Amino acid sequence: MEPYRIFYERYHASLFGHLFRLCGDEDLALDISQESFTRYLQHYGAGESNAALLFRIARNALYDHFRQRKQECPIEGLEMPSGVDPERGVIVRERYRRVVAAMAQLSDRERELLSLVLTQHLKYREIASLADISEANVKVIIHRARKKLQQVLTGDES
């Protein structure tokens, strides 16, 4: 179980962050994250660590969740921890809402791939394997998604 514990510690935060960026629901992201690690362990054991496979399991579990409920992935505000200065919390929430609203203007594919890059644990090659596209295509999609976000966030429509 030691290799699995190391695998879990390495990827649990990034997987949760990825799921949270996809759906905007902290509780759901936590549930799907835990479910994904459980499915990974049940089906693939604690031997070899494969982050791309884990993220694919998580993506499919999230999509299954919404497909079963016939609903879109919600994008909601971020609750601040209790120790955060209220004024600072308002600023952080507003920035978060702007970024989430900007990301909502991306296609599902762009949002998913950009979120995977933001986890900082997956290489473009792993993301390409996860998304079933070429590494070059991943780079192009990420580049275009970043440009779109920049345009939306700065209000530059050129």
C-alpha atoms as a PDB file:
ATOM      1  CA  MET A   1       0.000   0.000   0.000  1.00  0.00           C
ATOM      2  CA  GLU A   2       2.990   2.345   0.370  1.00  0.00           C
ATOM      3  CA  PRO A   3       3.257   3.007  -3.406  1.00  0.00           C
ATOM      4  CA  TYR A   4      -0.457   3.839  -3.498  1.00  0.00           C
ATOM      5  CA  ARG A   5      -0.108   6.223  -0.534  1.00  0.00           C
ATOM      6  CA  ILE A   6       2.716   8.033  -2.320  1.00  0.00           C
ATOM      7  CA  PHE A   7       0.637   8.141  -5.520  1.00  0.00           C
ATOM      8  CA  TYR A   8      -2.340   9.514  -3.575  1.00  0.00           C
ATOM      9  CA  GLU A   9      -0.269  12.167  -1.805  1.00  0.00           C
ATOM     10  CA  ARG A  10       1.291  13.264  -5.080  1.00  0.00           C
ATOM     11  CA  TYR A  11      -1.956  13.629  -7.050  1.00  0.00           C
ATOM     12  CA  HIS A  12      -4.892  14.148  -4.674  1.00  0.00           C
ATOM     13  CA  ALA A  13      -4.617  17.952  -4.546  1.00  0.00           C
ATOM     14  CA  SER A  14      -4.095  18.357  -8.283  1.00  0.00           C
ATOM     15  CA  LEU A  15      -6.957  15.972  -9.110  1.00  0.00           C
ATOM     16  CA  PHE A  16      -9.278  17.810  -6.740  1.00  0.00           C
ATOM     17  CA  GLY A  17      -8.220  21.149  -8.259  1.00  0.00           C
ATOM     18  CA  HIS A  18      -8.793  19.844 -11.767  1.00  0.00           C
ATOM     19  CA  LEU A  19     -12.278  18.579 -10.919  1.00  0.00           C
ATOM     20  CA  PHE A  20     -13.124  21.780  -9.068  1.00  0.00           C
ATOM     21  CA  ARG A  21     -12.101  23.868 -12.086  1.00  0.00           C
ATOM     22  CA  LEU A  22     -14.281  21.695 -14.300  1.00  0.00           C
ATOM     23  CA  CYS A  23     -17.445  21.873 -12.208  1.00  0.00           C
ATOM     24  CA  GLY A  24     -17.074  24.653  -9.643  1.00  0.00           C
ATOM     25  CA  ASP A  25     -18.580  22.508  -6.860  1.00  0.00           C
ATOM     26  CA  GLU A  26     -16.157  21.801  -4.009  1.00  0.00           C
ATOM     27  CA  ASP A  27     -18.146  18.947  -2.448  1.00  0.00           C
ATOM     28  CA  LEU A  28     -18.718  17.220  -5.774  1.00  0.00           C
ATOM     29  CA  ALA A  29     -15.049  17.594  -6.729  1.00  0.00           C
ATOM     30  CA  LEU A  30     -14.025  16.016  -3.424  1.00  0.00           C
ATOM     31  CA  ASP A  31     -16.493  13.136  -3.833  1.00  0.00           C
ATOM     32  CA  ILE A  32     -15.453  12.410  -7.425  1.00  0.00           C
ATOM     33  CA  SER A  33     -11.782  12.672  -6.473  1.00  0.00           C
ATOM     34  CA  GLN A  34     -12.156  10.068  -3.729  1.00  0.00           C
ATOM     35  CA  GLU A  35     -14.266   7.849  -5.954  1.00  0.00           C
ATOM     36  CA  SER A  36     -11.615   8.053  -8.681  1.00  0.00           C
ATOM     37  CA  PHE A  37      -8.803   6.949  -6.381  1.00  0.00           C
ATOM     38  CA  THR A  38     -10.992   4.089  -5.145  1.00  0.00           C
ATOM     39  CA  ARG A  39     -11.802   2.949  -8.703  1.00  0.00           C
ATOM     40  CA  TYR A  40      -8.137   3.220  -9.672  1.00  0.00           C
ATOM     41  CA  LEU A  41      -7.058   1.061  -6.739  1.00  0.00           C
ATOM     42  CA  GLN A  42      -9.827  -1.507  -7.314  1.00  0.00           C
ATOM     43  CA  HIS A  43      -9.155  -1.936 -11.017  1.00  0.00           C
ATOM     44  CA  TYR A  44      -5.418  -1.287 -11.362  1.00  0.00           C
ATOM     45  CA  GLY A  45      -3.966  -1.985  -7.932  1.00  0.00           C
ATOM     46  CA  ALA A  46      -1.248  -0.159  -6.081  1.00  0.00           C
ATOM     47  CA  GLY A  47       1.590  -1.257  -8.344  1.00  0.00           C
ATOM     48  CA  GLU A  48       2.261   1.137 -11.183  1.00  0.00           C
ATOM     49  CA  SER A  49       1.244   4.794 -10.878  1.00  0.00           C
ATOM     50  CA  ASN A  50      -0.466   6.242 -13.943  1.00  0.00           C
ATOM     51  CA  ALA A  51      -1.644   9.826 -13.426  1.00  0.00           C
ATOM     52  CA  ALA A  52      -3.168  10.114 -16.904  1.00  0.00           C
ATOM     53  CA  LEU A  53      -5.342   7.071 -16.220  1.00  0.00           C
ATOM     54  CA  LEU A  54      -6.404   8.489 -12.843  1.00  0.00           C
ATOM     55  CA  PHE A  55      -7.429  11.787 -14.455  1.00  0.00           C
ATOM     56  CA  ARG A  56      -9.339   9.922 -17.170  1.00  0.00           C
ATOM     57  CA  ILE A  57     -11.217   7.922 -14.523  1.00  0.00           C
ATOM     58  CA  ALA A  58     -12.058  11.173 -12.715  1.00  0.00           C
ATOM     59  CA  ARG A  59     -13.221  12.948 -15.873  1.00  0.00           C
ATOM     60  CA  ASN A  60     -15.448  10.029 -16.813  1.00  0.00           C
ATOM     61  CA  ALA A  61     -16.874   9.816 -13.271  1.00  0.00           C
ATOM     62  CA  LEU A  62     -17.688  13.534 -13.323  1.00  0.00           C
ATOM     63  CA  TYR A  63     -19.333  13.320 -16.737  1.00  0.00           C
ATOM     64  CA  ASP A  64     -21.280  10.239 -15.617  1.00  0.00           C
ATOM     65  CA  HIS A  65     -22.488  12.161 -12.570  1.00  0.00           C
ATOM     66  CA  PHE A  66     -23.892  14.985 -14.702  1.00  0.00           C
ATOM     67  CA  ARG A  67     -25.208  12.689 -17.406  1.00  0.00           C
ATOM     68  CA  GLN A  68     -27.201  10.729 -14.814  1.00  0.00           C
ATOM     69  CA  ARG A  69     -28.698  13.945 -13.494  1.00  0.00           C
ATOM     70  CA  LYS A  70     -29.132  15.477 -16.959  1.00  0.00           C
ATOM     71  CA  GLN A  71     -27.564  18.741 -15.895  1.00  0.00           C
ATOM     72  CA  GLU A  72     -24.710  21.009 -16.881  1.00  0.00           C
ATOM     73  CA  CYS A  73     -21.652  21.386 -14.679  1.00  0.00           C
ATOM     74  CA  PRO A  74     -22.437  24.327 -12.341  1.00  0.00           C
ATOM     75  CA  ILE A  75     -20.090  27.254 -11.909  1.00  0.00           C
ATOM     76  CA  GLU A  76     -20.528  28.820  -8.517  1.00  0.00           C
ATOM     77  CA  GLY A  77     -18.611  31.132  -6.197  1.00  0.00           C
ATOM     78  CA  LEU A  78     -15.798  30.155  -3.893  1.00  0.00           C
ATOM     79  CA  GLU A  79     -16.282  30.066  -0.135  1.00  0.00           C
ATOM     80  CA  MET A  80     -13.344  31.533   1.780  1.00  0.00           C
ATOM     81  CA  PRO A  81     -11.870  29.815   4.846  1.00  0.00           C
ATOM     82  CA  SER A  82     -12.992  31.384   8.134  1.00  0.00           C
ATOM     83  CA  GLY A  83      -9.572  32.917   8.945  1.00  0.00           C
ATOM     84  CA  VAL A  84      -9.406  35.064   5.793  1.00  0.00           C
ATOM     85  CA  ASP A  85      -9.833  38.854   6.099  1.00  0.00           C
ATOM     86  CA  PRO A  86     -13.362  39.636   4.790  1.00  0.00           C
ATOM     87  CA  GLU A  87     -12.158  42.403   2.469  1.00  0.00           C
ATOM     88  CA  ARG A  88      -9.476  40.151   1.024  1.00  0.00           C
ATOM     89  CA  GLY A  89     -12.085  37.391   0.675  1.00  0.00           C
ATOM     90  CA  VAL A  90     -14.319  39.647  -1.418  1.00  0.00           C
ATOM     91  CA  ILE A  91     -11.403  40.513  -3.711  1.00  0.00           C
ATOM     92  CA  VAL A  92     -10.386  36.864  -4.109  1.00  0.00           C
ATOM     93  CA  ARG A  93     -13.995  35.779  -4.771  1.00  0.00           C
ATOM     94  CA  GLU A  94     -14.441  38.478  -7.400  1.00  0.00           C
ATOM     95  CA  ARG A  95     -11.226  37.491  -9.187  1.00  0.00           C
ATOM     96  CA  TYR A  96     -12.237  33.857  -8.983  1.00  0.00           C
ATOM     97  CA  ARG A  97     -15.668  34.606 -10.476  1.00  0.00           C
ATOM     98  CA  ARG A  98     -14.075  36.538 -13.336  1.00  0.00           C
ATOM     99  CA  VAL A  99     -11.715  33.673 -14.144  1.00  0.00           C
ATOM    100  CA  VAL A 100     -14.452  31.040 -13.851  1.00  0.00           C
ATOM    101  CA  ALA A 101     -16.750  33.139 -16.066  1.00  0.00           C
ATOM    102  CA  ALA A 102     -13.930  33.526 -18.586  1.00  0.00           C
ATOM    103  CA  MET A 103     -13.223  29.783 -18.512  1.00  0.00           C
ATOM    104  CA  ALA A 104     -16.933  29.129 -19.077  1.00  0.00           C
ATOM    105  CA  GLN A 105     -16.538  30.834 -22.458  1.00  0.00           C
ATOM    106  CA  LEU A 106     -14.028  28.185 -23.516  1.00  0.00           C
ATOM    107  CA  SER A 107     -15.137  24.954 -25.133  1.00  0.00           C
ATOM    108  CA  ASP A 108     -15.344  21.871 -22.914  1.00  0.00           C
ATOM    109  CA  ARG A 109     -12.177  20.520 -24.545  1.00  0.00           C
ATOM    110  CA  GLU A 110     -10.246  23.771 -24.014  1.00  0.00           C
ATOM    111  CA  ARG A 111     -11.410  24.066 -20.404  1.00  0.00           C
ATOM    112  CA  GLU A 112     -10.488  20.469 -19.622  1.00  0.00           C
ATOM    113  CA  LEU A 113      -7.029  20.600 -21.207  1.00  0.00           C
ATOM    114  CA  LEU A 114      -6.200  23.970 -19.661  1.00  0.00           C
ATOM    115  CA  SER A 115      -7.262  22.639 -16.289  1.00  0.00           C
ATOM    116  CA  LEU A 116      -4.987  19.619 -16.721  1.00  0.00           C
ATOM    117  CA  VAL A 117      -2.052  21.891 -17.515  1.00  0.00           C
ATOM    118  CA  LEU A 118      -2.791  23.989 -14.435  1.00  0.00           C
ATOM    119  CA  THR A 119      -2.412  20.946 -12.180  1.00  0.00           C
ATOM    120  CA  GLN A 120       1.335  21.165 -12.942  1.00  0.00           C
ATOM    121  CA  HIS A 121       1.758  17.422 -12.595  1.00  0.00           C
ATOM    122  CA  LEU A 122       0.874  16.203 -16.073  1.00  0.00           C
ATOM    123  CA  LYS A 123       3.102  16.604 -19.085  1.00  0.00           C
ATOM    124  CA  TYR A 124       1.679  17.445 -22.507  1.00  0.00           C
ATOM    125  CA  ARG A 125       2.416  13.852 -23.551  1.00  0.00           C
ATOM    126  CA  GLU A 126       0.300  12.515 -20.660  1.00  0.00           C
ATOM    127  CA  ILE A 127      -2.491  14.979 -21.413  1.00  0.00           C
ATOM    128  CA  ALA A 128      -2.422  13.905 -25.069  1.00  0.00           C
ATOM    129  CA  SER A 129      -2.789  10.278 -23.985  1.00  0.00           C
ATOM    130  CA  LEU A 130      -5.646  11.182 -21.663  1.00  0.00           C
ATOM    131  CA  ALA A 131      -7.487  13.215 -24.308  1.00  0.00           C
ATOM    132  CA  ASP A 132      -6.752  10.777 -27.159  1.00  0.00           C
ATOM    133  CA  ILE A 133      -5.174  13.504 -29.317  1.00  0.00           C
ATOM    134  CA  SER A 134      -1.633  14.302 -30.421  1.00  0.00           C
ATOM    135  CA  GLU A 135       0.788  16.183 -28.196  1.00  0.00           C
ATOM    136  CA  ALA A 136       1.036  18.924 -30.845  1.00  0.00           C
ATOM    137  CA  ASN A 137      -2.746  19.303 -30.821  1.00  0.00           C
ATOM    138  CA  VAL A 138      -2.699  19.644 -27.019  1.00  0.00           C
ATOM    139  CA  LYS A 139      -0.160  22.465 -27.317  1.00  0.00           C
ATOM    140  CA  VAL A 140      -2.251  24.261 -29.935  1.00  0.00           C
ATOM    141  CA  ILE A 141      -5.467  23.947 -27.914  1.00  0.00           C
ATOM    142  CA  ILE A 142      -3.751  25.151 -24.725  1.00  0.00           C
ATOM    143  CA  HIS A 143      -2.187  28.110 -26.541  1.00  0.00           C
ATOM    144  CA  ARG A 144      -5.512  29.149 -28.067  1.00  0.00           C
ATOM    145  CA  ALA A 145      -7.354  28.699 -24.759  1.00  0.00           C
ATOM    146  CA  ARG A 146      -4.835  30.919 -22.968  1.00  0.00           C
ATOM    147  CA  LYS A 147      -5.191  33.574 -25.672  1.00  0.00           C
ATOM    148  CA  LYS A 148      -9.000  33.462 -25.374  1.00  0.00           C
ATOM    149  CA  LEU A 149      -8.800  33.784 -21.588  1.00  0.00           C
ATOM    150  CA  GLN A 150      -6.427  36.713 -21.900  1.00  0.00           C
ATOM    151  CA  GLN A 151      -8.775  38.442 -24.357  1.00  0.00           C
ATOM    152  CA  VAL A 152     -11.823  37.871 -22.166  1.00  0.00           C
ATOM    153  CA  LEU A 153     -10.093  38.955 -18.952  1.00  0.00           C
ATOM    154  CA  THR A 154      -8.557  42.087 -20.460  1.00  0.00           C
ATOM    155  CA  GLY A 155     -11.611  42.956 -22.541  1.00  0.00           C
ATOM    156  CA  ASP A 156      -9.508  42.868 -25.726  1.00  0.00           C
ATOM    157  CA  GLU A 157     -11.755  41.685 -28.559  1.00  0.00           C
ATOM    158  CA  SER A 158      -9.158  42.024 -31.357  1.00  0.00           C
END
